[in-house]
Amino acid sequence: MEEMMNKFFESIGSLFGGGDQIPWCDRDVILGCEREVAEANKGDSEDHKSESIMRLSWALVHSRQPEDVQRGIAMLQASLANTNSPLHQREKLYLLAVGYYRSSDYSNSRHLVEQCLEIAPDWRQALALKKTVEDQISKDGFIGIGITASAVGLIAGGIVAALVRR
């Protein structure tokens, strides 16, 4: 019985907590990546520049700061058109999906992660993100239903109270 109660409270806690497994990135890592991109722009090979920009994009979409996430999304969208390799396209789509997830744009995130899975159907990282996004969509729907039901209950209670006073 105690184990069942613990599972129940754990599930309630995960419902209202931010229980995703997507890592966060600190500001100092972003600053290091920005320095790396600046150095790469001083004359390194195109491959090194591209790799530096990908690391910076990764760091930005994993940031806790919404403006960093938006900057990462913009960088990835701009670079996606110039991507020829399916592997690089898959990685950019995945990072865009993470960025949209962090921005609470779950429908775009799900759409992009599904594009990743078209390229690599068994990519575990994308499968995990897809489950995280779908869980968040379900949770938001559940909370929305709860809020709506509460509002309807309050209105109905107010009407009943008004009728009882007459």
C-alpha atoms as a PDB file:
ATOM      1  CA  MET A   1       0.000   0.000   0.000  1.00  0.00           C
ATOM      2  CA  GLU A   2       2.828   2.372   0.901  1.00  0.00           C
ATOM      3  CA  GLU A   3       4.531   1.693  -2.439  1.00  0.00           C
ATOM      4  CA  MET A   4       1.303   2.544  -4.278  1.00  0.00           C
ATOM      5  CA  MET A   5       0.987   5.807  -2.344  1.00  0.00           C
ATOM      6  CA  ASN A   6       4.614   6.715  -3.133  1.00  0.00           C
ATOM      7  CA  LYS A   7       4.019   6.078  -6.853  1.00  0.00           C
ATOM      8  CA  PHE A   8       0.869   8.184  -6.726  1.00  0.00           C
ATOM      9  CA  PHE A   9       2.616  11.146  -5.095  1.00  0.00           C
ATOM     10  CA  GLU A  10       5.589  10.762  -7.438  1.00  0.00           C
ATOM     11  CA  SER A  11       3.282  10.888 -10.469  1.00  0.00           C
ATOM     12  CA  ILE A  12       1.517  13.978  -9.101  1.00  0.00           C
ATOM     13  CA  GLY A  13       4.914  15.615  -8.480  1.00  0.00           C
ATOM     14  CA  SER A  14       6.111  14.853 -11.995  1.00  0.00           C
ATOM     15  CA  LEU A  15       2.852  16.216 -13.402  1.00  0.00           C
ATOM     16  CA  PHE A  16       3.466  19.660 -11.935  1.00  0.00           C
ATOM     17  CA  GLY A  17       7.264  19.597 -12.052  1.00  0.00           C
ATOM     18  CA  GLY A  18       9.555  20.003 -15.031  1.00  0.00           C
ATOM     19  CA  GLY A  19      10.486  16.355 -15.333  1.00  0.00           C
ATOM     20  CA  ASP A  20      12.126  16.302 -18.756  1.00  0.00           C
ATOM     21  CA  GLN A  21      15.580  14.805 -19.283  1.00  0.00           C
ATOM     22  CA  ILE A  22      16.843  17.503 -21.662  1.00  0.00           C
ATOM     23  CA  PRO A  23      20.044  19.039 -20.304  1.00  0.00           C
ATOM     24  CA  TRP A  24      20.461  22.712 -19.470  1.00  0.00           C
ATOM     25  CA  CYS A  25      23.435  24.820 -20.495  1.00  0.00           C
ATOM     26  CA  ASP A  26      25.087  27.465 -18.334  1.00  0.00           C
ATOM     27  CA  ARG A  27      25.934  30.968 -19.487  1.00  0.00           C
ATOM     28  CA  ASP A  28      29.698  30.357 -19.214  1.00  0.00           C
ATOM     29  CA  VAL A  29      29.477  27.510 -21.735  1.00  0.00           C
ATOM     30  CA  ILE A  30      27.615  29.785 -24.139  1.00  0.00           C
ATOM     31  CA  LEU A  31      30.276  32.466 -23.724  1.00  0.00           C
ATOM     32  CA  GLY A  32      32.992  29.896 -24.458  1.00  0.00           C
ATOM     33  CA  CYS A  33      31.165  28.792 -27.604  1.00  0.00           C
ATOM     34  CA  GLU A  34      30.773  32.410 -28.709  1.00  0.00           C
ATOM     35  CA  ARG A  35      34.547  32.932 -28.304  1.00  0.00           C
ATOM     36  CA  GLU A  36      35.180  29.762 -30.299  1.00  0.00           C
ATOM     37  CA  VAL A  37      32.940  30.995 -33.149  1.00  0.00           C
ATOM     38  CA  ALA A  38      34.703  34.376 -33.121  1.00  0.00           C
ATOM     39  CA  GLU A  39      38.098  32.652 -33.366  1.00  0.00           C
ATOM     40  CA  ALA A  40      36.879  30.319 -36.122  1.00  0.00           C
ATOM     41  CA  ASN A  41      35.672  33.320 -38.141  1.00  0.00           C
ATOM     42  CA  LYS A  42      39.222  34.693 -38.208  1.00  0.00           C
ATOM     43  CA  GLY A  43      40.278  32.337 -40.955  1.00  0.00           C
ATOM     44  CA  ASP A  44      39.802  28.712 -39.963  1.00  0.00           C
ATOM     45  CA  SER A  45      38.367  26.164 -42.353  1.00  0.00           C
ATOM     46  CA  GLU A  46      34.672  26.163 -43.199  1.00  0.00           C
ATOM     47  CA  ASP A  47      34.274  22.826 -41.425  1.00  0.00           C
ATOM     48  CA  HIS A  48      35.666  24.260 -38.187  1.00  0.00           C
ATOM     49  CA  LYS A  49      33.389  27.311 -38.467  1.00  0.00           C
ATOM     50  CA  SER A  50      30.393  25.072 -39.050  1.00  0.00           C
ATOM     51  CA  GLU A  51      31.257  22.848 -36.069  1.00  0.00           C
ATOM     52  CA  SER A  52      31.730  25.898 -33.840  1.00  0.00           C
ATOM     53  CA  ILE A  53      28.371  27.301 -34.878  1.00  0.00           C
ATOM     54  CA  MET A  54      26.695  23.940 -34.198  1.00  0.00           C
ATOM     55  CA  ARG A  55      28.195  23.855 -30.683  1.00  0.00           C
ATOM     56  CA  LEU A  56      26.984  27.402 -30.061  1.00  0.00           C
ATOM     57  CA  SER A  57      23.519  26.524 -31.409  1.00  0.00           C
ATOM     58  CA  TRP A  58      23.407  23.493 -29.103  1.00  0.00           C
ATOM     59  CA  ALA A  59      24.365  25.630 -26.119  1.00  0.00           C
ATOM     60  CA  LEU A  60      21.823  28.335 -26.967  1.00  0.00           C
ATOM     61  CA  VAL A  61      18.794  26.050 -27.347  1.00  0.00           C
ATOM     62  CA  HIS A  62      19.711  24.336 -24.061  1.00  0.00           C
ATOM     63  CA  SER A  63      19.928  27.662 -22.200  1.00  0.00           C
ATOM     64  CA  ARG A  64      17.630  28.699 -19.387  1.00  0.00           C
ATOM     65  CA  GLN A  65      17.381  32.186 -20.908  1.00  0.00           C
ATOM     66  CA  PRO A  66      14.507  32.558 -23.425  1.00  0.00           C
ATOM     67  CA  GLU A  67      16.453  35.109 -25.488  1.00  0.00           C
ATOM     68  CA  ASP A  68      19.337  32.629 -25.888  1.00  0.00           C
ATOM     69  CA  VAL A  69      16.905  29.921 -26.991  1.00  0.00           C
ATOM     70  CA  GLN A  70      15.360  32.268 -29.568  1.00  0.00           C
ATOM     71  CA  ARG A  71      18.823  33.177 -30.845  1.00  0.00           C
ATOM     72  CA  GLY A  72      19.680  29.482 -31.191  1.00  0.00           C
ATOM     73  CA  ILE A  73      16.462  28.827 -33.093  1.00  0.00           C
ATOM     74  CA  ALA A  74      17.214  31.696 -35.485  1.00  0.00           C
ATOM     75  CA  MET A  75      20.782  30.442 -36.079  1.00  0.00           C
ATOM     76  CA  LEU A  76      19.589  26.919 -36.791  1.00  0.00           C
ATOM     77  CA  GLN A  77      16.809  28.040 -39.120  1.00  0.00           C
ATOM     78  CA  ALA A  78      19.274  30.189 -41.073  1.00  0.00           C
ATOM     79  CA  SER A  79      21.787  27.360 -41.402  1.00  0.00           C
ATOM     80  CA  LEU A  80      19.256  24.616 -42.228  1.00  0.00           C
ATOM     81  CA  ALA A  81      18.844  25.784 -45.827  1.00  0.00           C
ATOM     82  CA  ASN A  82      22.579  25.287 -46.478  1.00  0.00           C
ATOM     83  CA  THR A  83      22.623  21.722 -45.139  1.00  0.00           C
ATOM     84  CA  ASN A  84      23.267  18.954 -47.656  1.00  0.00           C
ATOM     85  CA  SER A  85      24.132  16.053 -45.377  1.00  0.00           C
ATOM     86  CA  PRO A  86      21.186  14.086 -43.937  1.00  0.00           C
ATOM     87  CA  LEU A  87      23.175  13.622 -40.700  1.00  0.00           C
ATOM     88  CA  HIS A  88      23.665  17.381 -40.273  1.00  0.00           C
ATOM     89  CA  GLN A  89      20.052  18.036 -41.247  1.00  0.00           C
ATOM     90  CA  ARG A  90      18.866  15.528 -38.647  1.00  0.00           C
ATOM     91  CA  GLU A  91      20.970  17.168 -35.940  1.00  0.00           C
ATOM     92  CA  LYS A  92      19.783  20.677 -36.819  1.00  0.00           C
ATOM     93  CA  LEU A  93      16.151  19.564 -36.887  1.00  0.00           C
ATOM     94  CA  TYR A  94      16.625  17.929 -33.488  1.00  0.00           C
ATOM     95  CA  LEU A  95      18.180  21.067 -32.009  1.00  0.00           C
ATOM     96  CA  LEU A  96      15.362  23.160 -33.472  1.00  0.00           C
ATOM     97  CA  ALA A  97      12.889  20.773 -31.845  1.00  0.00           C
ATOM     98  CA  VAL A  98      14.662  21.239 -28.505  1.00  0.00           C
ATOM     99  CA  GLY A  99      14.551  25.012 -28.959  1.00  0.00           C
ATOM    100  CA  TYR A 100      10.845  24.984 -29.706  1.00  0.00           C
ATOM    101  CA  TYR A 101      10.254  22.659 -26.749  1.00  0.00           C
ATOM    102  CA  ARG A 102      12.139  25.080 -24.482  1.00  0.00           C
ATOM    103  CA  SER A 103       9.998  27.905 -25.934  1.00  0.00           C
ATOM    104  CA  SER A 104       6.812  25.935 -25.107  1.00  0.00           C
ATOM    105  CA  ASP A 105       5.945  25.648 -28.819  1.00  0.00           C
ATOM    106  CA  TYR A 106       5.180  21.955 -28.534  1.00  0.00           C
ATOM    107  CA  SER A 107       3.436  21.494 -31.879  1.00  0.00           C
ATOM    108  CA  ASN A 108       6.456  22.815 -33.829  1.00  0.00           C
ATOM    109  CA  SER A 109       8.742  20.741 -31.639  1.00  0.00           C
ATOM    110  CA  ARG A 110       6.759  17.574 -32.329  1.00  0.00           C
ATOM    111  CA  HIS A 111       6.676  18.299 -36.064  1.00  0.00           C
ATOM    112  CA  LEU A 112      10.463  18.764 -36.211  1.00  0.00           C
ATOM    113  CA  VAL A 113      11.238  15.688 -34.136  1.00  0.00           C
ATOM    114  CA  GLU A 114       9.011  13.663 -36.469  1.00  0.00           C
ATOM    115  CA  GLN A 115      11.102  14.972 -39.391  1.00  0.00           C
ATOM    116  CA  CYS A 116      14.212  13.752 -37.543  1.00  0.00           C
ATOM    117  CA  LEU A 117      12.645  10.342 -37.169  1.00  0.00           C
ATOM    118  CA  GLU A 118      11.908  10.213 -40.892  1.00  0.00           C
ATOM    119  CA  ILE A 119      15.650  10.535 -41.464  1.00  0.00           C
ATOM    120  CA  ALA A 120      16.660   8.185 -38.628  1.00  0.00           C
ATOM    121  CA  PRO A 121      13.655   6.182 -37.335  1.00  0.00           C
ATOM    122  CA  ASP A 122      15.541   4.486 -34.495  1.00  0.00           C
ATOM    123  CA  TRP A 123      17.396   7.551 -33.140  1.00  0.00           C
ATOM    124  CA  ARG A 124      16.899   7.159 -29.393  1.00  0.00           C
ATOM    125  CA  GLN A 125      17.525  10.806 -28.571  1.00  0.00           C
ATOM    126  CA  ALA A 126      14.771  11.936 -30.961  1.00  0.00           C
ATOM    127  CA  LEU A 127      12.429   9.214 -29.717  1.00  0.00           C
ATOM    128  CA  ALA A 128      12.985  10.391 -26.137  1.00  0.00           C
ATOM    129  CA  LEU A 129      12.327  14.013 -27.131  1.00  0.00           C
ATOM    130  CA  LYS A 130       9.155  12.984 -28.965  1.00  0.00           C
ATOM    131  CA  LYS A 131       7.881  11.236 -25.833  1.00  0.00           C
ATOM    132  CA  THR A 132       8.789  14.263 -23.704  1.00  0.00           C
ATOM    133  CA  VAL A 133       6.951  16.615 -26.074  1.00  0.00           C
ATOM    134  CA  GLU A 134       3.879  14.369 -26.241  1.00  0.00           C
ATOM    135  CA  ASP A 135       3.847  14.038 -22.441  1.00  0.00           C
ATOM    136  CA  GLN A 136       3.981  17.827 -22.137  1.00  0.00           C
ATOM    137  CA  ILE A 137       1.138  18.247 -24.637  1.00  0.00           C
ATOM    138  CA  SER A 138      -0.941  15.734 -22.655  1.00  0.00           C
ATOM    139  CA  LYS A 139      -0.081  17.429 -19.364  1.00  0.00           C
ATOM    140  CA  ASP A 140      -1.030  20.851 -20.721  1.00  0.00           C
ATOM    141  CA  GLY A 141      -4.322  19.425 -21.985  1.00  0.00           C
ATOM    142  CA  PHE A 142      -5.012  17.805 -18.618  1.00  0.00           C
ATOM    143  CA  ILE A 143      -4.283  21.037 -16.764  1.00  0.00           C
ATOM    144  CA  GLY A 144      -6.426  22.995 -19.238  1.00  0.00           C
ATOM    145  CA  ILE A 145      -9.331  20.624 -18.690  1.00  0.00           C
ATOM    146  CA  GLY A 146      -8.892  20.995 -14.928  1.00  0.00           C
ATOM    147  CA  ILE A 147      -8.924  24.782 -15.140  1.00  0.00           C
ATOM    148  CA  THR A 148     -12.010  24.721 -17.356  1.00  0.00           C
ATOM    149  CA  ALA A 149     -13.800  22.311 -15.021  1.00  0.00           C
ATOM    150  CA  SER A 150     -12.940  24.518 -12.041  1.00  0.00           C
ATOM    151  CA  ALA A 151     -14.256  27.610 -13.810  1.00  0.00           C
ATOM    152  CA  VAL A 152     -17.491  25.823 -14.732  1.00  0.00           C
ATOM    153  CA  GLY A 153     -17.808  24.622 -11.136  1.00  0.00           C
ATOM    154  CA  LEU A 154     -17.333  28.126  -9.762  1.00  0.00           C
ATOM    155  CA  ILE A 155     -19.901  29.572 -12.163  1.00  0.00           C
ATOM    156  CA  ALA A 156     -22.395  26.827 -11.361  1.00  0.00           C
ATOM    157  CA  GLY A 157     -21.768  27.334  -7.636  1.00  0.00           C
ATOM    158  CA  GLY A 158     -22.350  31.073  -8.030  1.00  0.00           C
ATOM    159  CA  ILE A 159     -25.610  30.479  -9.866  1.00  0.00           C
ATOM    160  CA  VAL A 160     -26.786  28.007  -7.227  1.00  0.00           C
ATOM    161  CA  ALA A 161     -25.845  30.435  -4.430  1.00  0.00           C
ATOM    162  CA  ALA A 162     -27.711  33.248  -6.173  1.00  0.00           C
ATOM    163  CA  LEU A 163     -30.804  31.078  -6.571  1.00  0.00           C
ATOM    164  CA  VAL A 164     -30.693  29.950  -2.943  1.00  0.00           C
ATOM    165  CA  ARG A 165     -30.571  33.594  -1.723  1.00  0.00           C
ATOM    166  CA  ARG A 166     -33.803  34.424  -3.577  1.00  0.00           C
END
